[in-house]
Amino acid sequence: MFGKIVKFLKEVRAELKKVTWPTRRELIGSTIVTVVVTLIVSVFIGIVDRLLSLATRSIFG
């Protein structure tokens, strides 16, 4: 059992060495894009929710 855990951890370490980590600039750019897209989508969903609420209220009183 202990041998399997050690083997697993060695394999994980080997795989992590193969990873190409993003540069600081790439990471900041990706974060900004994620935040902006999230804000745009949330505003869109909020507007659609408001319109559907108004339509439902006007139909069902």
PDB file of N, CA and C in Angstrom:
ATOM      1  N   MET A   1       0.830  -1.192   0.000  1.00  0.00           N
ATOM      2  CA  MET A   1       0.000   0.000   0.000  1.00  0.00           C
ATOM      3  C   MET A   1       0.877   1.259   0.000  1.00  0.00           C
ATOM      4  N   PHE A   2       1.861   1.297   0.892  1.00  0.00           N
ATOM      5  CA  PHE A   2       2.751   2.459   0.969  1.00  0.00           C
ATOM      6  C   PHE A   2       3.532   2.638  -0.328  1.00  0.00           C
ATOM      7  N   GLY A   3       3.908   1.510  -0.949  1.00  0.00           N
ATOM      8  CA  GLY A   3       4.652   1.563  -2.208  1.00  0.00           C
ATOM      9  C   GLY A   3       3.840   2.191  -3.326  1.00  0.00           C
ATOM     10  N   LYS A   4       2.527   1.904  -3.340  1.00  0.00           N
ATOM     11  CA  LYS A   4       1.651   2.474  -4.370  1.00  0.00           C
ATOM     12  C   LYS A   4       1.541   3.990  -4.203  1.00  0.00           C
ATOM     13  N   ILE A   5       1.477   4.433  -2.953  1.00  0.00           N
ATOM     14  CA  ILE A   5       1.369   5.870  -2.700  1.00  0.00           C
ATOM     15  C   ILE A   5       2.641   6.576  -3.158  1.00  0.00           C
ATOM     16  N   VAL A   6       3.797   5.993  -2.850  1.00  0.00           N
ATOM     17  CA  VAL A   6       5.073   6.585  -3.255  1.00  0.00           C
ATOM     18  C   VAL A   6       5.174   6.631  -4.778  1.00  0.00           C
ATOM     19  N   LYS A   7       4.769   5.544  -5.429  1.00  0.00           N
ATOM     20  CA  LYS A   7       4.805   5.501  -6.897  1.00  0.00           C
ATOM     21  C   LYS A   7       3.892   6.574  -7.488  1.00  0.00           C
ATOM     22  N   PHE A   8       2.709   6.696  -6.912  1.00  0.00           N
ATOM     23  CA  PHE A   8       1.763   7.708  -7.383  1.00  0.00           C
ATOM     24  C   PHE A   8       2.354   9.114  -7.255  1.00  0.00           C
ATOM     25  N   LEU A   9       2.929   9.403  -6.111  1.00  0.00           N
ATOM     26  CA  LEU A   9       3.500  10.730  -5.892  1.00  0.00           C
ATOM     27  C   LEU A   9       4.676  11.006  -6.827  1.00  0.00           C
ATOM     28  N   LYS A  10       5.479  10.007  -7.128  1.00  0.00           N
ATOM     29  CA  LYS A  10       6.579  10.179  -8.079  1.00  0.00           C
ATOM     30  C   LYS A  10       6.042  10.480  -9.479  1.00  0.00           C
ATOM     31  N   GLU A  11       4.973   9.778  -9.853  1.00  0.00           N
ATOM     32  CA  GLU A  11       4.369  10.015 -11.165  1.00  0.00           C
ATOM     33  C   GLU A  11       3.756  11.411 -11.254  1.00  0.00           C
ATOM     34  N   VAL A  12       3.132  11.840 -10.161  1.00  0.00           N
ATOM     35  CA  VAL A  12       2.561  13.184 -10.131  1.00  0.00           C
ATOM     36  C   VAL A  12       3.665  14.226 -10.298  1.00  0.00           C
ATOM     37  N   ARG A  13       4.767  14.036  -9.599  1.00  0.00           N
ATOM     38  CA  ARG A  13       5.889  14.969  -9.699  1.00  0.00           C
ATOM     39  C   ARG A  13       6.443  15.012 -11.124  1.00  0.00           C
ATOM     40  N   ALA A  14       6.553  13.832 -11.745  1.00  0.00           N
ATOM     41  CA  ALA A  14       7.059  13.778 -13.120  1.00  0.00           C
ATOM     42  C   ALA A  14       6.119  14.505 -14.074  1.00  0.00           C
ATOM     43  N   GLU A  15       4.815  14.346 -13.885  1.00  0.00           N
ATOM     44  CA  GLU A  15       3.855  15.022 -14.758  1.00  0.00           C
ATOM     45  C   GLU A  15       3.880  16.533 -14.552  1.00  0.00           C
ATOM     46  N   LEU A  16       4.033  16.963 -13.309  1.00  0.00           N
ATOM     47  CA  LEU A  16       4.068  18.398 -13.041  1.00  0.00           C
ATOM     48  C   LEU A  16       5.294  19.060 -13.657  1.00  0.00           C
ATOM     49  N   LYS A  17       6.356  18.316 -13.833  1.00  0.00           N
ATOM     50  CA  LYS A  17       7.539  18.874 -14.482  1.00  0.00           C
ATOM     51  C   LYS A  17       7.299  19.127 -15.973  1.00  0.00           C
ATOM     52  N   LYS A  18       6.343  18.411 -16.553  1.00  0.00           N
ATOM     53  CA  LYS A  18       6.033  18.560 -17.974  1.00  0.00           C
ATOM     54  C   LYS A  18       5.118  19.751 -18.254  1.00  0.00           C
ATOM     55  N   VAL A  19       4.480  20.264 -17.217  1.00  0.00           N
ATOM     56  CA  VAL A  19       3.505  21.351 -17.379  1.00  0.00           C
ATOM     57  C   VAL A  19       4.224  22.638 -17.777  1.00  0.00           C
ATOM     58  N   THR A  20       3.638  23.338 -18.739  1.00  0.00           N
ATOM     59  CA  THR A  20       4.156  24.666 -19.078  1.00  0.00           C
ATOM     60  C   THR A  20       3.281  25.687 -18.357  1.00  0.00           C
ATOM     61  N   TRP A  21       3.839  26.292 -17.337  1.00  0.00           N
ATOM     62  CA  TRP A  21       3.093  27.239 -16.529  1.00  0.00           C
ATOM     63  C   TRP A  21       3.027  28.588 -17.243  1.00  0.00           C
ATOM     64  N   PRO A  22       1.904  29.303 -17.106  1.00  0.00           N
ATOM     65  CA  PRO A  22       1.786  30.603 -17.771  1.00  0.00           C
ATOM     66  C   PRO A  22       2.697  31.639 -17.116  1.00  0.00           C
ATOM     67  N   THR A  23       3.093  32.611 -17.914  1.00  0.00           N
ATOM     68  CA  THR A  23       3.878  33.710 -17.369  1.00  0.00           C
ATOM     69  C   THR A  23       2.948  34.613 -16.554  1.00  0.00           C
ATOM     70  N   ARG A  24       3.541  35.495 -15.792  1.00  0.00           N
ATOM     71  CA  ARG A  24       2.737  36.414 -14.984  1.00  0.00           C
ATOM     72  C   ARG A  24       1.829  37.270 -15.874  1.00  0.00           C
ATOM     73  N   ARG A  25       2.380  37.716 -16.988  1.00  0.00           N
ATOM     74  CA  ARG A  25       1.605  38.557 -17.911  1.00  0.00           C
ATOM     75  C   ARG A  25       0.407  37.786 -18.491  1.00  0.00           C
ATOM     76  N   GLU A  26       0.639  36.526 -18.898  1.00  0.00           N
ATOM     77  CA  GLU A  26      -0.449  35.694 -19.428  1.00  0.00           C
ATOM     78  C   GLU A  26      -1.517  35.452 -18.363  1.00  0.00           C
ATOM     79  N   LEU A  27      -1.088  35.210 -17.148  1.00  0.00           N
ATOM     80  CA  LEU A  27      -2.020  34.951 -16.063  1.00  0.00           C
ATOM     81  C   LEU A  27      -2.888  36.168 -15.764  1.00  0.00           C
ATOM     82  N   ILE A  28      -2.271  37.341 -15.740  1.00  0.00           N
ATOM     83  CA  ILE A  28      -3.027  38.571 -15.496  1.00  0.00           C
ATOM     84  C   ILE A  28      -4.007  38.814 -16.638  1.00  0.00           C
ATOM     85  N   GLY A  29      -3.564  38.609 -17.877  1.00  0.00           N
ATOM     86  CA  GLY A  29      -4.461  38.786 -19.026  1.00  0.00           C
ATOM     87  C   GLY A  29      -5.646  37.846 -18.982  1.00  0.00           C
ATOM     88  N   SER A  30      -5.393  36.597 -18.665  1.00  0.00           N
ATOM     89  CA  SER A  30      -6.477  35.609 -18.581  1.00  0.00           C
ATOM     90  C   SER A  30      -7.445  35.951 -17.461  1.00  0.00           C
ATOM     91  N   THR A  31      -6.916  36.425 -16.349  1.00  0.00           N
ATOM     92  CA  THR A  31      -7.769  36.798 -15.221  1.00  0.00           C
ATOM     93  C   THR A  31      -8.661  37.973 -15.588  1.00  0.00           C
ATOM     94  N   ILE A  32      -8.101  38.961 -16.263  1.00  0.00           N
ATOM     95  CA  ILE A  32      -8.890  40.124 -16.670  1.00  0.00           C
ATOM     96  C   ILE A  32      -9.998  39.704 -17.629  1.00  0.00           C
ATOM     97  N   VAL A  33      -9.661  38.864 -18.599  1.00  0.00           N
ATOM     98  CA  VAL A  33     -10.671  38.387 -19.551  1.00  0.00           C
ATOM     99  C   VAL A  33     -11.781  37.641 -18.811  1.00  0.00           C
ATOM    100  N   THR A  34     -11.410  36.792 -17.862  1.00  0.00           N
ATOM    101  CA  THR A  34     -12.404  36.024 -17.109  1.00  0.00           C
ATOM    102  C   THR A  34     -13.334  36.941 -16.323  1.00  0.00           C
ATOM    103  N   VAL A  35     -12.771  37.937 -15.655  1.00  0.00           N
ATOM    104  CA  VAL A  35     -13.591  38.854 -14.861  1.00  0.00           C
ATOM    105  C   VAL A  35     -14.526  39.662 -15.759  1.00  0.00           C
ATOM    106  N   VAL A  36     -14.020  40.163 -16.882  1.00  0.00           N
ATOM    107  CA  VAL A  36     -14.843  40.973 -17.787  1.00  0.00           C
ATOM    108  C   VAL A  36     -15.974  40.134 -18.382  1.00  0.00           C
ATOM    109  N   VAL A  37     -15.670  38.934 -18.843  1.00  0.00           N
ATOM    110  CA  VAL A  37     -16.708  38.069 -19.425  1.00  0.00           C
ATOM    111  C   VAL A  37     -17.749  37.706 -18.369  1.00  0.00           C
ATOM    112  N   THR A  38     -17.300  37.432 -17.150  1.00  0.00           N
ATOM    113  CA  THR A  38     -18.235  37.113 -16.069  1.00  0.00           C
ATOM    114  C   THR A  38     -19.171  38.280 -15.792  1.00  0.00           C
ATOM    115  N   LEU A  39     -18.637  39.495 -15.759  1.00  0.00           N
ATOM    116  CA  LEU A  39     -19.479  40.675 -15.543  1.00  0.00           C
ATOM    117  C   LEU A  39     -20.489  40.869 -16.670  1.00  0.00           C
ATOM    118  N   ILE A  40     -20.035  40.701 -17.911  1.00  0.00           N
ATOM    119  CA  ILE A  40     -20.937  40.871 -19.065  1.00  0.00           C
ATOM    120  C   ILE A  40     -22.063  39.841 -19.021  1.00  0.00           C
ATOM    121  N   VAL A  41     -21.717  38.593 -18.751  1.00  0.00           N
ATOM    122  CA  VAL A  41     -22.732  37.531 -18.714  1.00  0.00           C
ATOM    123  C   VAL A  41     -23.699  37.771 -17.559  1.00  0.00           C
ATOM    124  N   SER A  42     -23.192  38.207 -16.393  1.00  0.00           N
ATOM    125  CA  SER A  42     -24.104  38.435 -15.273  1.00  0.00           C
ATOM    126  C   SER A  42     -25.048  39.598 -15.535  1.00  0.00           C
ATOM    127  N   VAL A  43     -24.568  40.645 -16.187  1.00  0.00           N
ATOM    128  CA  VAL A  43     -25.457  41.757 -16.538  1.00  0.00           C
ATOM    129  C   VAL A  43     -26.510  41.274 -17.535  1.00  0.00           C
ATOM    130  N   PHE A  44     -26.108  40.503 -18.512  1.00  0.00           N
ATOM    131  CA  PHE A  44     -27.054  39.972 -19.501  1.00  0.00           C
ATOM    132  C   PHE A  44     -28.122  39.108 -18.822  1.00  0.00           C
ATOM    133  N   ILE A  45     -27.696  38.201 -17.958  1.00  0.00           N
ATOM    134  CA  ILE A  45     -28.652  37.327 -17.268  1.00  0.00           C
ATOM    135  C   ILE A  45     -29.572  38.152 -16.374  1.00  0.00           C
ATOM    136  N   GLY A  46     -29.025  39.184 -15.728  1.00  0.00           N
ATOM    137  CA  GLY A  46     -29.863  40.054 -14.900  1.00  0.00           C
ATOM    138  C   GLY A  46     -30.923  40.765 -15.709  1.00  0.00           C
ATOM    139  N   ILE A  47     -30.549  41.270 -16.881  1.00  0.00           N
ATOM    140  CA  ILE A  47     -31.512  41.957 -17.749  1.00  0.00           C
ATOM    141  C   ILE A  47     -32.590  40.992 -18.240  1.00  0.00           C
ATOM    142  N   VAL A  48     -32.177  39.812 -18.680  1.00  0.00           N
ATOM    143  CA  VAL A  48     -33.148  38.813 -19.150  1.00  0.00           C
ATOM    144  C   VAL A  48     -34.078  38.405 -18.008  1.00  0.00           C
ATOM    145  N   ASP A  49     -33.537  38.231 -16.814  1.00  0.00           N
ATOM    146  CA  ASP A  49     -34.354  37.869 -15.654  1.00  0.00           C
ATOM    147  C   ASP A  49     -35.381  38.959 -15.365  1.00  0.00           C
ATOM    148  N   ARG A  50     -34.943  40.213 -15.413  1.00  0.00           N
ATOM    149  CA  ARG A  50     -35.853  41.336 -15.153  1.00  0.00           C
ATOM    150  C   ARG A  50     -36.970  41.371 -16.205  1.00  0.00           C
ATOM    151  N   LEU A  51     -36.606  41.182 -17.471  1.00  0.00           N
ATOM    152  CA  LEU A  51     -37.620  41.204 -18.537  1.00  0.00           C
ATOM    153  C   LEU A  51     -38.613  40.055 -18.389  1.00  0.00           C
ATOM    154  N   LEU A  52     -38.109  38.867 -18.079  1.00  0.00           N
ATOM    155  CA  LEU A  52     -39.007  37.718 -17.902  1.00  0.00           C
ATOM    156  C   LEU A  52     -39.904  37.901 -16.678  1.00  0.00           C
ATOM    157  N   SER A  53     -39.376  38.517 -15.624  1.00  0.00           N
ATOM    158  CA  SER A  53     -40.192  38.785 -14.443  1.00  0.00           C
ATOM    159  C   SER A  53     -41.323  39.771 -14.774  1.00  0.00           C
ATOM    160  N   LEU A  54     -40.950  40.821 -15.503  1.00  0.00           N
ATOM    161  CA  LEU A  54     -41.984  41.799 -15.902  1.00  0.00           C
ATOM    162  C   LEU A  54     -43.024  41.164 -16.817  1.00  0.00           C
ATOM    163  N   ALA A  55     -42.594  40.332 -17.756  1.00  0.00           N
ATOM    164  CA  ALA A  55     -43.529  39.677 -18.666  1.00  0.00           C
ATOM    165  C   ALA A  55     -44.441  38.726 -17.892  1.00  0.00           C
ATOM    166  N   THR A  56     -43.887  37.983 -16.968  1.00  0.00           N
ATOM    167  CA  THR A  56     -44.693  37.057 -16.172  1.00  0.00           C
ATOM    168  C   THR A  56     -45.701  37.807 -15.318  1.00  0.00           C
ATOM    169  N   ARG A  57     -45.265  38.905 -14.706  1.00  0.00           N
ATOM    170  CA  ARG A  57     -46.173  39.713 -13.882  1.00  0.00           C
ATOM    171  C   ARG A  57     -47.295  40.313 -14.720  1.00  0.00           C
ATOM    172  N   SER A  58     -46.964  40.763 -15.927  1.00  0.00           N
ATOM    173  CA  SER A  58     -48.007  41.378 -16.751  1.00  0.00           C
ATOM    174  C   SER A  58     -49.004  40.337 -17.298  1.00  0.00           C
ATOM    175  N   ILE A  59     -48.529  39.128 -17.513  1.00  0.00           N
ATOM    176  CA  ILE A  59     -49.424  38.071 -18.019  1.00  0.00           C
ATOM    177  C   ILE A  59     -50.312  37.530 -16.894  1.00  0.00           C
ATOM    178  N   PHE A  60     -49.709  37.233 -15.756  1.00  0.00           N
ATOM    179  CA  PHE A  60     -50.440  36.584 -14.676  1.00  0.00           C
ATOM    180  C   PHE A  60     -50.929  37.544 -13.587  1.00  0.00           C
ATOM    181  N   GLY A  61     -50.654  38.810 -13.755  1.00  0.00           N
ATOM    182  CA  GLY A  61     -51.158  39.818 -12.839  1.00  0.00           C
ATOM    183  C   GLY A  61     -50.424  39.886 -11.575  1.00  0.00           C
TER     184      GLY A  61
END
